[in-house]
Amino acid sequence: MAHYPPYTSKYNPIEHRLFCHVTRACAGTIFTSVEVVKELIDKTSTSTGLKVMTSIKEKVYKTARKASEDFRRNMPIVFDDFLGQWNYRAIPQVA
């Protein structure tokens, strides 16, 4: 998993290269549904060939969930050398 620190999208170079193009593609449009937004963003591309692909997640995620102690014991977290506080892997243990 890789997370960017809050309020620091400067660490995401792809976002910087595409954000202005997505904004331009959506300019002057009234967002009447999520599908309209998805279609507009999917049509976005740059002159250098970058294209945007989107997917809509219908699932509703619960907030404030706590991990059980058993999960913590059996699923070790390995932090990466680069930005370890934001980049990590959960390694499942084989039963």
N, C-alpha and C. Protein backbone atom coordinates (compact mmCIF):
# COMPACT_ATOMS: atom_id res chain seq x y z
N MET A 1 0.85 -1.17 0.00
CA MET A 1 0.00 0.00 0.00
C MET A 1 0.89 1.22 0.00
N ALA A 2 0.48 2.23 -0.71
CA ALA A 2 1.23 3.48 -0.73
C ALA A 2 0.26 4.62 -0.52
N HIS A 3 0.53 5.42 0.46
CA HIS A 3 -0.32 6.59 0.75
C HIS A 3 0.56 7.82 0.65
N TYR A 4 -0.01 8.87 0.14
CA TYR A 4 0.72 10.14 0.14
C TYR A 4 0.33 10.90 1.39
N PRO A 5 1.28 11.60 2.00
CA PRO A 5 0.95 12.35 3.22
C PRO A 5 -0.18 13.34 2.96
N PRO A 6 -1.01 13.61 3.96
CA PRO A 6 -2.12 14.54 3.77
C PRO A 6 -1.65 15.90 3.25
N TYR A 7 -2.39 16.45 2.33
CA TYR A 7 -2.15 17.78 1.77
C TYR A 7 -0.83 17.88 1.02
N THR A 8 -0.27 16.76 0.58
CA THR A 8 1.02 16.82 -0.11
C THR A 8 0.97 16.04 -1.41
N SER A 9 0.05 16.38 -2.26
CA SER A 9 -0.02 15.68 -3.53
C SER A 9 1.18 16.02 -4.41
N LYS A 10 2.04 16.90 -3.90
CA LYS A 10 3.28 17.21 -4.65
C LYS A 10 4.14 15.96 -4.82
N TYR A 11 3.92 14.93 -3.98
CA TYR A 11 4.68 13.70 -4.10
C TYR A 11 4.17 12.82 -5.24
N ASN A 12 3.04 13.19 -5.84
CA ASN A 12 2.43 12.39 -6.90
C ASN A 12 2.63 13.09 -8.24
N PRO A 13 3.69 12.76 -8.98
CA PRO A 13 3.98 13.46 -10.23
C PRO A 13 2.93 13.23 -11.31
N ILE A 14 2.28 12.07 -11.32
CA ILE A 14 1.25 11.81 -12.32
C ILE A 14 0.07 12.74 -12.10
N GLU A 15 -0.32 12.91 -10.85
CA GLU A 15 -1.43 13.81 -10.55
C GLU A 15 -1.12 15.22 -11.05
N HIS A 16 0.08 15.67 -10.85
CA HIS A 16 0.46 17.02 -11.30
C HIS A 16 0.40 17.14 -12.82
N ARG A 17 0.75 16.10 -13.53
CA ARG A 17 0.77 16.16 -14.98
C ARG A 17 -0.63 16.06 -15.57
N LEU A 18 -1.57 15.47 -14.86
CA LEU A 18 -2.90 15.26 -15.41
C LEU A 18 -3.98 16.19 -14.86
N PHE A 19 -3.76 16.75 -13.69
CA PHE A 19 -4.83 17.49 -13.03
C PHE A 19 -5.36 18.64 -13.88
N CYS A 20 -4.49 19.39 -14.52
CA CYS A 20 -4.95 20.52 -15.34
C CYS A 20 -5.76 20.04 -16.54
N HIS A 21 -5.41 18.87 -17.08
CA HIS A 21 -6.15 18.32 -18.22
C HIS A 21 -7.53 17.82 -17.80
N VAL A 22 -7.61 17.20 -16.64
CA VAL A 22 -8.91 16.75 -16.12
C VAL A 22 -9.79 17.96 -15.85
N THR A 23 -9.21 19.00 -15.25
CA THR A 23 -9.96 20.22 -14.98
C THR A 23 -10.50 20.82 -16.28
N ARG A 24 -9.68 20.86 -17.30
CA ARG A 24 -10.10 21.41 -18.60
C ARG A 24 -11.21 20.57 -19.22
N ALA A 25 -11.12 19.25 -19.11
CA ALA A 25 -12.13 18.36 -19.69
C ALA A 25 -13.49 18.53 -19.01
N CYS A 26 -13.48 18.91 -17.74
CA CYS A 26 -14.72 19.05 -16.98
C CYS A 26 -15.24 20.48 -16.95
N ALA A 27 -14.51 21.41 -17.51
CA ALA A 27 -14.88 22.83 -17.45
C ALA A 27 -16.25 23.08 -18.06
N GLY A 28 -17.07 23.84 -17.36
CA GLY A 28 -18.37 24.25 -17.87
C GLY A 28 -19.43 23.17 -17.86
N THR A 29 -19.15 22.04 -17.25
CA THR A 29 -20.11 20.94 -17.23
C THR A 29 -20.78 20.86 -15.87
N ILE A 30 -22.07 20.64 -15.89
CA ILE A 30 -22.81 20.42 -14.64
C ILE A 30 -22.77 18.93 -14.36
N PHE A 31 -22.28 18.57 -13.21
CA PHE A 31 -22.18 17.16 -12.84
C PHE A 31 -23.54 16.68 -12.35
N THR A 32 -24.26 15.98 -13.20
CA THR A 32 -25.59 15.48 -12.84
C THR A 32 -25.56 14.07 -12.27
N SER A 33 -24.45 13.37 -12.49
CA SER A 33 -24.32 12.02 -11.94
C SER A 33 -22.84 11.64 -11.90
N VAL A 34 -22.56 10.59 -11.18
CA VAL A 34 -21.20 10.08 -11.10
C VAL A 34 -20.75 9.58 -12.48
N GLU A 35 -21.68 9.01 -13.24
CA GLU A 35 -21.36 8.49 -14.56
C GLU A 35 -20.90 9.61 -15.50
N VAL A 36 -21.51 10.79 -15.41
CA VAL A 36 -21.10 11.93 -16.23
C VAL A 36 -19.67 12.31 -15.92
N VAL A 37 -19.33 12.36 -14.64
CA VAL A 37 -17.97 12.70 -14.23
C VAL A 37 -17.00 11.64 -14.74
N LYS A 38 -17.36 10.37 -14.59
CA LYS A 38 -16.50 9.28 -15.05
C LYS A 38 -16.23 9.38 -16.55
N GLU A 39 -17.28 9.63 -17.33
CA GLU A 39 -17.11 9.75 -18.78
C GLU A 39 -16.17 10.89 -19.15
N LEU A 40 -16.35 12.03 -18.49
CA LEU A 40 -15.49 13.18 -18.78
C LEU A 40 -14.03 12.89 -18.45
N ILE A 41 -13.82 12.28 -17.30
CA ILE A 41 -12.45 11.99 -16.87
C ILE A 41 -11.82 10.92 -17.75
N ASP A 42 -12.63 9.91 -18.15
CA ASP A 42 -12.11 8.86 -19.03
C ASP A 42 -11.66 9.39 -20.39
N LYS A 43 -12.27 10.47 -20.86
CA LYS A 43 -11.91 11.05 -22.16
C LYS A 43 -10.65 11.91 -22.09
N THR A 44 -10.16 12.17 -20.90
CA THR A 44 -9.01 13.05 -20.72
C THR A 44 -7.73 12.39 -21.19
N SER A 45 -6.92 13.15 -21.92
CA SER A 45 -5.58 12.70 -22.30
C SER A 45 -4.70 13.92 -22.51
N THR A 46 -3.41 13.70 -22.56
CA THR A 46 -2.46 14.79 -22.79
C THR A 46 -1.86 14.66 -24.18
N SER A 47 -1.19 15.71 -24.61
CA SER A 47 -0.56 15.67 -25.94
C SER A 47 0.61 14.69 -25.98
N THR A 48 1.14 14.33 -24.81
CA THR A 48 2.25 13.37 -24.77
C THR A 48 1.78 11.92 -24.66
N GLY A 49 0.45 11.73 -24.58
CA GLY A 49 -0.07 10.37 -24.61
C GLY A 49 -0.57 9.82 -23.29
N LEU A 50 -0.49 10.59 -22.20
CA LEU A 50 -1.04 10.09 -20.94
C LEU A 50 -2.56 10.04 -21.05
N LYS A 51 -3.16 8.95 -20.60
CA LYS A 51 -4.61 8.80 -20.61
C LYS A 51 -5.08 8.44 -19.22
N VAL A 52 -6.27 8.88 -18.90
CA VAL A 52 -6.84 8.63 -17.59
C VAL A 52 -7.82 7.47 -17.68
N MET A 53 -7.74 6.57 -16.71
CA MET A 53 -8.70 5.48 -16.59
C MET A 53 -9.33 5.57 -15.21
N THR A 54 -10.64 5.42 -15.14
CA THR A 54 -11.32 5.52 -13.86
C THR A 54 -12.16 4.29 -13.61
N SER A 55 -12.47 4.07 -12.37
CA SER A 55 -13.43 3.03 -11.99
C SER A 55 -14.21 3.55 -10.80
N ILE A 56 -15.45 3.17 -10.74
CA ILE A 56 -16.34 3.61 -9.67
C ILE A 56 -16.50 2.46 -8.69
N LYS A 57 -16.24 2.73 -7.44
CA LYS A 57 -16.43 1.75 -6.38
C LYS A 57 -17.78 2.00 -5.74
N GLU A 58 -18.66 1.03 -5.82
CA GLU A 58 -20.01 1.16 -5.26
C GLU A 58 -20.05 0.79 -3.77
N LYS A 59 -19.01 0.14 -3.32
CA LYS A 59 -18.99 -0.34 -1.94
C LYS A 59 -18.96 0.82 -0.96
N VAL A 60 -19.69 0.69 0.13
CA VAL A 60 -19.66 1.67 1.20
C VAL A 60 -18.73 1.12 2.28
N TYR A 61 -17.70 1.87 2.58
CA TYR A 61 -16.71 1.42 3.55
C TYR A 61 -17.04 1.95 4.93
N LYS A 62 -16.94 1.08 5.92
CA LYS A 62 -17.17 1.50 7.30
C LYS A 62 -15.96 2.30 7.78
N THR A 63 -16.23 3.29 8.57
CA THR A 63 -15.16 4.10 9.14
C THR A 63 -14.94 3.70 10.60
N ALA A 64 -13.80 4.09 11.11
CA ALA A 64 -13.44 3.87 12.52
C ALA A 64 -13.39 2.40 12.90
N ARG A 65 -13.03 1.53 11.94
CA ARG A 65 -12.88 0.11 12.25
C ARG A 65 -11.54 -0.11 12.94
N LYS A 66 -11.51 -1.00 13.89
CA LYS A 66 -10.29 -1.33 14.63
C LYS A 66 -9.82 -2.72 14.22
N ALA A 67 -8.53 -2.89 14.10
CA ALA A 67 -7.96 -4.20 13.80
C ALA A 67 -7.89 -5.01 15.09
N SER A 68 -8.24 -6.28 15.01
CA SER A 68 -8.19 -7.13 16.20
C SER A 68 -6.74 -7.45 16.54
N GLU A 69 -6.51 -7.82 17.78
CA GLU A 69 -5.16 -8.19 18.22
C GLU A 69 -4.68 -9.42 17.45
N ASP A 70 -5.58 -10.37 17.16
CA ASP A 70 -5.21 -11.57 16.41
C ASP A 70 -4.72 -11.19 15.01
N PHE A 71 -5.40 -10.25 14.37
CA PHE A 71 -4.99 -9.79 13.05
C PHE A 71 -3.60 -9.17 13.13
N ARG A 72 -3.37 -8.36 14.14
CA ARG A 72 -2.07 -7.70 14.28
C ARG A 72 -0.94 -8.71 14.49
N ARG A 73 -1.21 -9.76 15.22
CA ARG A 73 -0.19 -10.77 15.47
C ARG A 73 0.10 -11.59 14.22
N ASN A 74 -0.94 -11.89 13.43
CA ASN A 74 -0.80 -12.79 12.29
C ASN A 74 -0.57 -12.09 10.95
N MET A 75 -0.61 -10.80 10.93
CA MET A 75 -0.43 -10.05 9.68
C MET A 75 0.62 -8.96 9.93
N PRO A 76 1.89 -9.34 9.89
CA PRO A 76 2.92 -8.34 10.14
C PRO A 76 2.96 -7.26 9.05
N ILE A 77 3.28 -6.08 9.47
CA ILE A 77 3.40 -4.94 8.57
C ILE A 77 4.88 -4.67 8.35
N VAL A 78 5.31 -4.59 7.07
CA VAL A 78 6.69 -4.30 6.72
C VAL A 78 6.73 -2.91 6.09
N PHE A 79 7.45 -2.01 6.72
CA PHE A 79 7.54 -0.64 6.23
C PHE A 79 8.68 -0.52 5.23
N ASP A 80 8.43 0.18 4.12
CA ASP A 80 9.43 0.36 3.07
C ASP A 80 10.51 1.34 3.51
N ASP A 81 11.66 1.25 2.86
CA ASP A 81 12.76 2.17 3.15
C ASP A 81 12.42 3.59 2.70
N PHE A 82 11.69 3.72 1.60
CA PHE A 82 11.34 5.03 1.06
C PHE A 82 10.00 5.46 1.64
N LEU A 83 9.97 6.53 2.39
CA LEU A 83 8.75 7.04 3.04
C LEU A 83 8.02 5.94 3.78
N GLY A 84 8.71 5.27 4.66
CA GLY A 84 8.16 4.13 5.38
C GLY A 84 6.89 4.43 6.16
N GLN A 85 6.73 5.67 6.62
CA GLN A 85 5.51 6.00 7.36
C GLN A 85 4.28 6.00 6.45
N TRP A 86 4.49 6.05 5.13
CA TRP A 86 3.37 6.07 4.19
C TRP A 86 3.33 4.84 3.28
N ASN A 87 4.43 4.15 3.09
CA ASN A 87 4.49 3.00 2.18
C ASN A 87 4.80 1.74 2.97
N TYR A 88 3.91 0.76 2.90
CA TYR A 88 4.09 -0.46 3.68
C TYR A 88 3.38 -1.62 3.02
N ARG A 89 3.71 -2.82 3.48
CA ARG A 89 3.08 -4.04 2.98
C ARG A 89 2.57 -4.85 4.17
N ALA A 90 1.38 -5.43 4.02
CA ALA A 90 0.85 -6.36 5.01
C ALA A 90 1.12 -7.76 4.46
N ILE A 91 1.87 -8.56 5.19
CA ILE A 91 2.29 -9.88 4.73
C ILE A 91 1.41 -10.95 5.39
N PRO A 92 0.50 -11.58 4.64
CA PRO A 92 -0.36 -12.61 5.23
C PRO A 92 0.44 -13.86 5.59
N GLN A 93 0.11 -14.47 6.69
CA GLN A 93 0.76 -15.71 7.12
C GLN A 93 -0.05 -16.88 6.57
N VAL A 94 0.63 -17.85 5.97
CA VAL A 94 -0.02 -19.02 5.42
C VAL A 94 -0.39 -19.96 6.55
N ALA A 95 -1.65 -20.41 6.54
CA ALA A 95 -2.14 -21.27 7.63
C ALA A 95 -1.58 -22.67 7.54
